[in-house]
């Protein structure tokens, strides 16, 4: 395509993606309000799930020049029983917003064991942190309200319906968890989600490690401060 044709094609694609996002949000809200959302329980890997989110959001973060990092701590690593599709939806929404509202610095996704139990379930903690624009107390108070944006200019500047965080809260509630936010204006935000999950009876196939590397010392050098 010529540069002009490519520009038109990219505008069409971006518009289609935006409209699809709006339709998805409206359908999710409708199903949640009607009590028709059913959660599945399957074995899945949190490591693979967070890697997938990084793969989806990585290009946009790279384009903006911000660092996107993911860490599943040893206590949370491995196979769990739950609904990976809905957990991915929640994390993609939160991390996607973080990338959208962060101009410099980083976005991080951290998963760890919160140290609580509910019967056979462990409470896992998902932290989505950014160094973005942050939120005032007034904005935080209405953050999980349907069709609410942080301020009147957000829709024009960033797009969106104001439904994403409300959907996240209802999905977290449906899974028996809790969600909260810590933030201050100009100093970034941290969303904290606690979800009760049960270890899978059978572990998923693990990635093989070269036996010849075991026991060797390694120097790791990284210029990403958050790492």
C-alpha atoms as a PDB file:
ATOM      1  CA  UNK A   1       0.000   0.000   0.000  1.00  0.00           C
ATOM      2  CA  UNK A   2       1.023   3.598  -0.471  1.00  0.00           C
ATOM      3  CA  UNK A   3       1.567   5.633   2.712  1.00  0.00           C
ATOM      4  CA  UNK A   4      -1.818   7.320   2.214  1.00  0.00           C
ATOM      5  CA  UNK A   5      -3.611   3.991   1.688  1.00  0.00           C
ATOM      6  CA  UNK A   6      -1.853   2.486   4.712  1.00  0.00           C
ATOM      7  CA  UNK A   7      -2.977   5.442   6.811  1.00  0.00           C
ATOM      8  CA  UNK A   8      -6.602   4.904   5.763  1.00  0.00           C
ATOM      9  CA  UNK A   9      -6.368   1.147   6.442  1.00  0.00           C
ATOM     10  CA  UNK A  10      -4.888   1.696   9.916  1.00  0.00           C
ATOM     11  CA  UNK A  11      -7.646   4.197  10.746  1.00  0.00           C
ATOM     12  CA  UNK A  12     -10.289   1.638   9.703  1.00  0.00           C
ATOM     13  CA  UNK A  13      -8.624  -1.093  11.796  1.00  0.00           C
ATOM     14  CA  UNK A  14      -8.292   1.123  14.879  1.00  0.00           C
ATOM     15  CA  UNK A  15     -11.934   2.218  14.561  1.00  0.00           C
ATOM     16  CA  UNK A  16     -13.069  -1.401  14.206  1.00  0.00           C
ATOM     17  CA  UNK A  17     -11.040  -2.424  17.281  1.00  0.00           C
ATOM     18  CA  UNK A  18     -12.565   0.438  19.284  1.00  0.00           C
ATOM     19  CA  UNK A  19     -16.116  -0.501  18.239  1.00  0.00           C
ATOM     20  CA  UNK A  20     -15.488  -4.175  19.007  1.00  0.00           C
ATOM     21  CA  UNK A  21     -14.268  -3.220  22.471  1.00  0.00           C
ATOM     22  CA  UNK A  22     -17.453  -1.221  23.103  1.00  0.00           C
ATOM     23  CA  UNK A  23     -19.642  -4.119  21.938  1.00  0.00           C
ATOM     24  CA  UNK A  24     -17.740  -6.593  24.137  1.00  0.00           C
ATOM     25  CA  UNK A  25     -18.148  -4.317  27.181  1.00  0.00           C
ATOM     26  CA  UNK A  26     -21.892  -3.857  26.617  1.00  0.00           C
ATOM     27  CA  UNK A  27     -22.405  -7.614  26.143  1.00  0.00           C
ATOM     28  CA  UNK A  28     -20.425  -8.400  29.307  1.00  0.00           C
ATOM     29  CA  UNK A  29     -22.377  -5.867  31.379  1.00  0.00           C
ATOM     30  CA  UNK A  30     -25.667  -7.215  30.020  1.00  0.00           C
ATOM     31  CA  UNK A  31     -24.732 -10.816  30.879  1.00  0.00           C
ATOM     32  CA  UNK A  32     -23.488  -9.850  34.344  1.00  0.00           C
ATOM     33  CA  UNK A  33     -26.678  -7.906  35.129  1.00  0.00           C
ATOM     34  CA  UNK A  34     -28.780 -10.829  33.911  1.00  0.00           C
ATOM     35  CA  UNK A  35     -26.771 -13.285  36.017  1.00  0.00           C
ATOM     36  CA  UNK A  36     -25.858 -15.255  32.905  1.00  0.00           C
ATOM     37  CA  UNK A  37     -22.074 -15.274  33.262  1.00  0.00           C
ATOM     38  CA  UNK A  38     -20.890 -18.794  34.056  1.00  0.00           C
ATOM     39  CA  UNK A  39     -17.355 -19.395  35.264  1.00  0.00           C
ATOM     40  CA  UNK A  40     -15.405 -22.435  34.105  1.00  0.00           C
ATOM     41  CA  UNK A  41     -12.941 -24.377  36.233  1.00  0.00           C
ATOM     42  CA  UNK A  42      -9.971 -25.768  34.330  1.00  0.00           C
ATOM     43  CA  UNK A  43      -6.283 -26.281  35.011  1.00  0.00           C
ATOM     44  CA  UNK A  44      -4.076 -23.498  33.669  1.00  0.00           C
ATOM     45  CA  UNK A  45      -0.642 -21.980  34.187  1.00  0.00           C
ATOM     46  CA  UNK A  46      -0.379 -18.505  35.666  1.00  0.00           C
ATOM     47  CA  UNK A  47       3.091 -18.199  34.133  1.00  0.00           C
ATOM     48  CA  UNK A  48       1.714 -18.796  30.622  1.00  0.00           C
ATOM     49  CA  UNK A  49      -1.257 -16.508  31.255  1.00  0.00           C
ATOM     50  CA  UNK A  50       0.897 -13.517  32.290  1.00  0.00           C
ATOM     51  CA  UNK A  51       3.356 -14.190  29.457  1.00  0.00           C
ATOM     52  CA  UNK A  52       0.427 -14.013  27.038  1.00  0.00           C
ATOM     53  CA  UNK A  53      -0.688 -10.667  28.452  1.00  0.00           C
ATOM     54  CA  UNK A  54       2.850  -9.304  28.082  1.00  0.00           C
ATOM     55  CA  UNK A  55       2.912 -10.498  24.470  1.00  0.00           C
ATOM     56  CA  UNK A  56      -0.365  -8.691  23.703  1.00  0.00           C
ATOM     57  CA  UNK A  57       0.510  -5.399  25.432  1.00  0.00           C
ATOM     58  CA  UNK A  58       4.251  -5.438  24.733  1.00  0.00           C
ATOM     59  CA  UNK A  59       4.143  -3.771  21.287  1.00  0.00           C
ATOM     60  CA  UNK A  60       2.084  -0.818  22.583  1.00  0.00           C
ATOM     61  CA  UNK A  61       4.369  -0.408  25.601  1.00  0.00           C
ATOM     62  CA  UNK A  62       7.420  -0.509  23.334  1.00  0.00           C
ATOM     63  CA  UNK A  63       5.829   2.037  21.011  1.00  0.00           C
ATOM     64  CA  UNK A  64       5.330   4.405  23.974  1.00  0.00           C
ATOM     65  CA  UNK A  65       8.814   3.764  25.331  1.00  0.00           C
ATOM     66  CA  UNK A  66       7.670   2.372  28.691  1.00  0.00           C
ATOM     67  CA  UNK A  67       8.810  -0.825  30.412  1.00  0.00           C
ATOM     68  CA  UNK A  68       6.318  -3.704  30.779  1.00  0.00           C
ATOM     69  CA  UNK A  69       7.365  -6.436  33.201  1.00  0.00           C
ATOM     70  CA  UNK A  70       5.648  -9.535  34.602  1.00  0.00           C
ATOM     71  CA  UNK A  71       6.596 -11.676  37.590  1.00  0.00           C
ATOM     72  CA  UNK A  72       4.827 -14.747  38.937  1.00  0.00           C
ATOM     73  CA  UNK A  73       6.541 -15.440  42.233  1.00  0.00           C
ATOM     74  CA  UNK A  74       7.502 -18.994  43.128  1.00  0.00           C
ATOM     75  CA  UNK A  75       4.623 -19.304  45.619  1.00  0.00           C
ATOM     76  CA  UNK A  76       2.109 -18.655  42.814  1.00  0.00           C
ATOM     77  CA  UNK A  77       3.898 -20.315  39.917  1.00  0.00           C
ATOM     78  CA  UNK A  78       2.560 -23.464  38.300  1.00  0.00           C
ATOM     79  CA  UNK A  79      -0.880 -24.941  37.656  1.00  0.00           C
ATOM     80  CA  UNK A  80      -4.124 -23.741  39.285  1.00  0.00           C
ATOM     81  CA  UNK A  81      -7.825 -24.466  38.870  1.00  0.00           C
ATOM     82  CA  UNK A  82      -9.955 -21.544  37.750  1.00  0.00           C
ATOM     83  CA  UNK A  83     -11.275 -19.552  34.816  1.00  0.00           C
ATOM     84  CA  UNK A  84      -8.225 -18.363  32.853  1.00  0.00           C
ATOM     85  CA  UNK A  85     -10.351 -16.515  30.287  1.00  0.00           C
ATOM     86  CA  UNK A  86     -11.943 -14.243  32.889  1.00  0.00           C
ATOM     87  CA  UNK A  87      -8.692 -13.754  34.832  1.00  0.00           C
ATOM     88  CA  UNK A  88      -6.983 -12.807  31.567  1.00  0.00           C
ATOM     89  CA  UNK A  89      -9.827 -10.386  30.828  1.00  0.00           C
ATOM     90  CA  UNK A  90      -9.391  -8.678  34.206  1.00  0.00           C
ATOM     91  CA  UNK A  91      -5.612  -8.402  33.949  1.00  0.00           C
ATOM     92  CA  UNK A  92      -5.724  -7.277  30.318  1.00  0.00           C
ATOM     93  CA  UNK A  93      -8.188  -4.547  31.228  1.00  0.00           C
ATOM     94  CA  UNK A  94      -6.146  -3.294  34.187  1.00  0.00           C
ATOM     95  CA  UNK A  95      -2.755  -3.590  32.499  1.00  0.00           C
ATOM     96  CA  UNK A  96      -4.143  -2.193  29.239  1.00  0.00           C
ATOM     97  CA  UNK A  97      -5.419   0.870  31.107  1.00  0.00           C
ATOM     98  CA  UNK A  98      -2.049   1.184  32.829  1.00  0.00           C
ATOM     99  CA  UNK A  99      -0.226   1.207  29.474  1.00  0.00           C
ATOM    100  CA  UNK A 100      -2.788   3.667  28.078  1.00  0.00           C
ATOM    101  CA  UNK A 101      -2.410   6.148  30.956  1.00  0.00           C
ATOM    102  CA  UNK A 102       1.378   5.883  31.395  1.00  0.00           C
ATOM    103  CA  UNK A 103       3.633   8.109  29.305  1.00  0.00           C
ATOM    104  CA  UNK A 104       6.980   7.396  30.991  1.00  0.00           C
ATOM    105  CA  UNK A 105       8.279   4.753  33.390  1.00  0.00           C
ATOM    106  CA  UNK A 106       6.786   1.298  33.739  1.00  0.00           C
ATOM    107  CA  UNK A 107       3.817  -1.034  34.045  1.00  0.00           C
ATOM    108  CA  UNK A 108       4.227  -4.211  36.070  1.00  0.00           C
ATOM    109  CA  UNK A 109       2.117  -7.304  36.741  1.00  0.00           C
ATOM    110  CA  UNK A 110       3.049  -9.245  39.870  1.00  0.00           C
ATOM    111  CA  UNK A 111       1.369 -12.433  41.131  1.00  0.00           C
ATOM    112  CA  UNK A 112       2.047 -13.861  44.580  1.00  0.00           C
ATOM    113  CA  UNK A 113       0.469 -15.886  47.382  1.00  0.00           C
ATOM    114  CA  UNK A 114      -1.359 -13.493  49.740  1.00  0.00           C
ATOM    115  CA  UNK A 115      -0.871 -15.918  52.646  1.00  0.00           C
ATOM    116  CA  UNK A 116      -4.593 -16.539  53.259  1.00  0.00           C
ATOM    117  CA  UNK A 117      -6.630 -19.724  52.913  1.00  0.00           C
ATOM    118  CA  UNK A 118     -10.316 -20.419  52.286  1.00  0.00           C
ATOM    119  CA  UNK A 119     -10.902 -24.133  52.744  1.00  0.00           C
ATOM    120  CA  UNK A 120      -8.835 -25.841  50.039  1.00  0.00           C
ATOM    121  CA  UNK A 121      -8.186 -22.539  48.253  1.00  0.00           C
ATOM    122  CA  UNK A 122      -5.227 -20.216  48.544  1.00  0.00           C
ATOM    123  CA  UNK A 123      -5.727 -16.487  48.128  1.00  0.00           C
ATOM    124  CA  UNK A 124      -3.575 -15.312  45.224  1.00  0.00           C
ATOM    125  CA  UNK A 125      -2.738 -11.621  44.900  1.00  0.00           C
ATOM    126  CA  UNK A 126      -2.472  -9.931  41.512  1.00  0.00           C
ATOM    127  CA  UNK A 127      -0.836  -6.498  41.531  1.00  0.00           C
ATOM    128  CA  UNK A 128      -0.979  -4.237  38.472  1.00  0.00           C
ATOM    129  CA  UNK A 129       1.212  -1.197  39.084  1.00  0.00           C
ATOM    130  CA  UNK A 130       2.113   1.767  36.893  1.00  0.00           C
ATOM    131  CA  UNK A 131       3.923   5.094  37.035  1.00  0.00           C
ATOM    132  CA  UNK A 132       1.157   6.871  35.130  1.00  0.00           C
ATOM    133  CA  UNK A 133      -1.120   9.846  35.730  1.00  0.00           C
ATOM    134  CA  UNK A 134      -2.608   8.510  38.974  1.00  0.00           C
ATOM    135  CA  UNK A 135      -5.989   9.283  40.501  1.00  0.00           C
ATOM    136  CA  UNK A 136      -7.413  11.729  43.020  1.00  0.00           C
ATOM    137  CA  UNK A 137      -9.499  10.434  45.960  1.00  0.00           C
ATOM    138  CA  UNK A 138     -12.667  11.685  44.247  1.00  0.00           C
ATOM    139  CA  UNK A 139     -11.795   9.789  41.062  1.00  0.00           C
ATOM    140  CA  UNK A 140     -11.044   6.621  43.032  1.00  0.00           C
ATOM    141  CA  UNK A 141     -14.430   6.818  44.766  1.00  0.00           C
ATOM    142  CA  UNK A 142     -16.320   6.430  41.466  1.00  0.00           C
ATOM    143  CA  UNK A 143     -13.748   4.322  39.628  1.00  0.00           C
ATOM    144  CA  UNK A 144     -15.749   1.059  39.602  1.00  0.00           C
ATOM    145  CA  UNK A 145     -19.053   2.745  38.678  1.00  0.00           C
ATOM    146  CA  UNK A 146     -20.504   1.895  35.268  1.00  0.00           C
ATOM    147  CA  UNK A 147     -19.980   4.483  32.519  1.00  0.00           C
ATOM    148  CA  UNK A 148     -17.646   6.446  34.809  1.00  0.00           C
ATOM    149  CA  UNK A 149     -14.348   7.887  33.637  1.00  0.00           C
ATOM    150  CA  UNK A 150     -11.694   9.576  35.768  1.00  0.00           C
ATOM    151  CA  UNK A 151     -12.691  12.949  34.296  1.00  0.00           C
ATOM    152  CA  UNK A 152     -14.776  14.356  31.464  1.00  0.00           C
ATOM    153  CA  UNK A 153     -11.840  14.568  29.051  1.00  0.00           C
ATOM    154  CA  UNK A 154     -10.774  10.912  29.351  1.00  0.00           C
ATOM    155  CA  UNK A 155     -13.145   9.586  26.685  1.00  0.00           C
ATOM    156  CA  UNK A 156     -12.057  12.195  24.143  1.00  0.00           C
ATOM    157  CA  UNK A 157      -8.345  11.778  24.909  1.00  0.00           C
ATOM    158  CA  UNK A 158      -8.045   8.019  25.499  1.00  0.00           C
ATOM    159  CA  UNK A 159     -11.307   6.448  24.320  1.00  0.00           C
ATOM    160  CA  UNK A 160     -13.288   3.812  26.203  1.00  0.00           C
ATOM    161  CA  UNK A 161     -16.761   3.370  27.615  1.00  0.00           C
ATOM    162  CA  UNK A 162     -16.114   3.581  31.342  1.00  0.00           C
ATOM    163  CA  UNK A 163     -17.353  -0.002  31.688  1.00  0.00           C
ATOM    164  CA  UNK A 164     -14.086  -1.929  31.919  1.00  0.00           C
ATOM    165  CA  UNK A 165     -13.363  -1.436  35.614  1.00  0.00           C
ATOM    166  CA  UNK A 166     -17.000  -2.037  36.567  1.00  0.00           C
ATOM    167  CA  UNK A 167     -16.832  -5.343  34.678  1.00  0.00           C
ATOM    168  CA  UNK A 168     -13.575  -6.221  36.450  1.00  0.00           C
ATOM    169  CA  UNK A 169     -15.130  -5.597  39.846  1.00  0.00           C
ATOM    170  CA  UNK A 170     -18.194  -7.718  39.082  1.00  0.00           C
ATOM    171  CA  UNK A 171     -16.070 -10.578  37.725  1.00  0.00           C
ATOM    172  CA  UNK A 172     -13.840 -10.461  40.811  1.00  0.00           C
ATOM    173  CA  UNK A 173     -16.948 -10.513  43.023  1.00  0.00           C
ATOM    174  CA  UNK A 174     -18.310 -13.454  41.026  1.00  0.00           C
ATOM    175  CA  UNK A 175     -15.075 -15.376  41.683  1.00  0.00           C
ATOM    176  CA  UNK A 176     -15.284 -14.672  45.421  1.00  0.00           C
ATOM    177  CA  UNK A 177     -12.415 -12.219  45.412  1.00  0.00           C
ATOM    178  CA  UNK A 178     -11.856  -8.553  46.139  1.00  0.00           C
ATOM    179  CA  UNK A 179     -10.349  -5.607  44.272  1.00  0.00           C
ATOM    180  CA  UNK A 180      -9.029  -2.254  45.436  1.00  0.00           C
ATOM    181  CA  UNK A 181      -6.826   0.563  44.196  1.00  0.00           C
ATOM    182  CA  UNK A 182      -4.062   2.648  45.749  1.00  0.00           C
ATOM    183  CA  UNK A 183      -3.184   5.832  43.909  1.00  0.00           C
ATOM    184  CA  UNK A 184      -2.367   9.507  44.117  1.00  0.00           C
ATOM    185  CA  UNK A 185      -2.561  12.112  41.393  1.00  0.00           C
ATOM    186  CA  UNK A 186       0.603  12.228  39.312  1.00  0.00           C
ATOM    187  CA  UNK A 187       2.207   9.274  41.114  1.00  0.00           C
ATOM    188  CA  UNK A 188       0.798   6.219  39.387  1.00  0.00           C
ATOM    189  CA  UNK A 189      -1.665   3.568  40.544  1.00  0.00           C
ATOM    190  CA  UNK A 190      -1.634   0.058  41.969  1.00  0.00           C
ATOM    191  CA  UNK A 191      -4.636  -2.229  41.503  1.00  0.00           C
ATOM    192  CA  UNK A 192      -4.734  -5.168  43.917  1.00  0.00           C
ATOM    193  CA  UNK A 193      -6.904  -8.209  43.213  1.00  0.00           C
ATOM    194  CA  UNK A 194      -7.178 -11.155  45.611  1.00  0.00           C
ATOM    195  CA  UNK A 195      -8.718 -14.342  44.178  1.00  0.00           C
ATOM    196  CA  UNK A 196      -9.243 -17.698  45.948  1.00  0.00           C
ATOM    197  CA  UNK A 197      -7.775 -20.510  43.832  1.00  0.00           C
ATOM    198  CA  UNK A 198      -7.081 -24.212  44.281  1.00  0.00           C
ATOM    199  CA  UNK A 199      -3.903 -25.943  43.170  1.00  0.00           C
ATOM    200  CA  UNK A 200      -4.392 -28.263  40.197  1.00  0.00           C
ATOM    201  CA  UNK A 201      -4.130 -31.938  41.155  1.00  0.00           C
ATOM    202  CA  UNK A 202      -1.874 -32.626  38.187  1.00  0.00           C
ATOM    203  CA  UNK A 203       0.917 -30.286  37.188  1.00  0.00           C
ATOM    204  CA  UNK A 204       1.026 -29.026  33.624  1.00  0.00           C
ATOM    205  CA  UNK A 205       3.955 -29.958  31.366  1.00  0.00           C
ATOM    206  CA  UNK A 206       6.958 -27.933  32.499  1.00  0.00           C
ATOM    207  CA  UNK A 207       9.447 -26.263  30.219  1.00  0.00           C
ATOM    208  CA  UNK A 208      12.661 -28.231  30.124  1.00  0.00           C
ATOM    209  CA  UNK A 209      15.868 -26.755  31.517  1.00  0.00           C
ATOM    210  CA  UNK A 210      19.232 -27.589  30.043  1.00  0.00           C
ATOM    211  CA  UNK A 211      20.843 -29.906  32.601  1.00  0.00           C
ATOM    212  CA  UNK A 212      24.256 -28.576  31.605  1.00  0.00           C
ATOM    213  CA  UNK A 213      23.385 -25.139  33.016  1.00  0.00           C
ATOM    214  CA  UNK A 214      22.535 -26.359  36.503  1.00  0.00           C
ATOM    215  CA  UNK A 215      24.994 -25.359  39.187  1.00  0.00           C
ATOM    216  CA  UNK A 216      26.674 -22.693  37.094  1.00  0.00           C
ATOM    217  CA  UNK A 217      26.945 -19.072  38.203  1.00  0.00           C
ATOM    218  CA  UNK A 218      25.452 -16.399  35.987  1.00  0.00           C
ATOM    219  CA  UNK A 219      25.687 -12.614  35.798  1.00  0.00           C
ATOM    220  CA  UNK A 220      22.430 -10.978  34.779  1.00  0.00           C
ATOM    221  CA  UNK A 221      22.568  -7.345  33.629  1.00  0.00           C
ATOM    222  CA  UNK A 222      19.349  -5.364  33.065  1.00  0.00           C
ATOM    223  CA  UNK A 223      18.796  -1.645  32.494  1.00  0.00           C
ATOM    224  CA  UNK A 224      15.096  -1.835  33.466  1.00  0.00           C
ATOM    225  CA  UNK A 225      14.914  -0.432  36.994  1.00  0.00           C
ATOM    226  CA  UNK A 226      11.610  -2.116  37.916  1.00  0.00           C
ATOM    227  CA  UNK A 227      13.167  -5.551  37.259  1.00  0.00           C
END
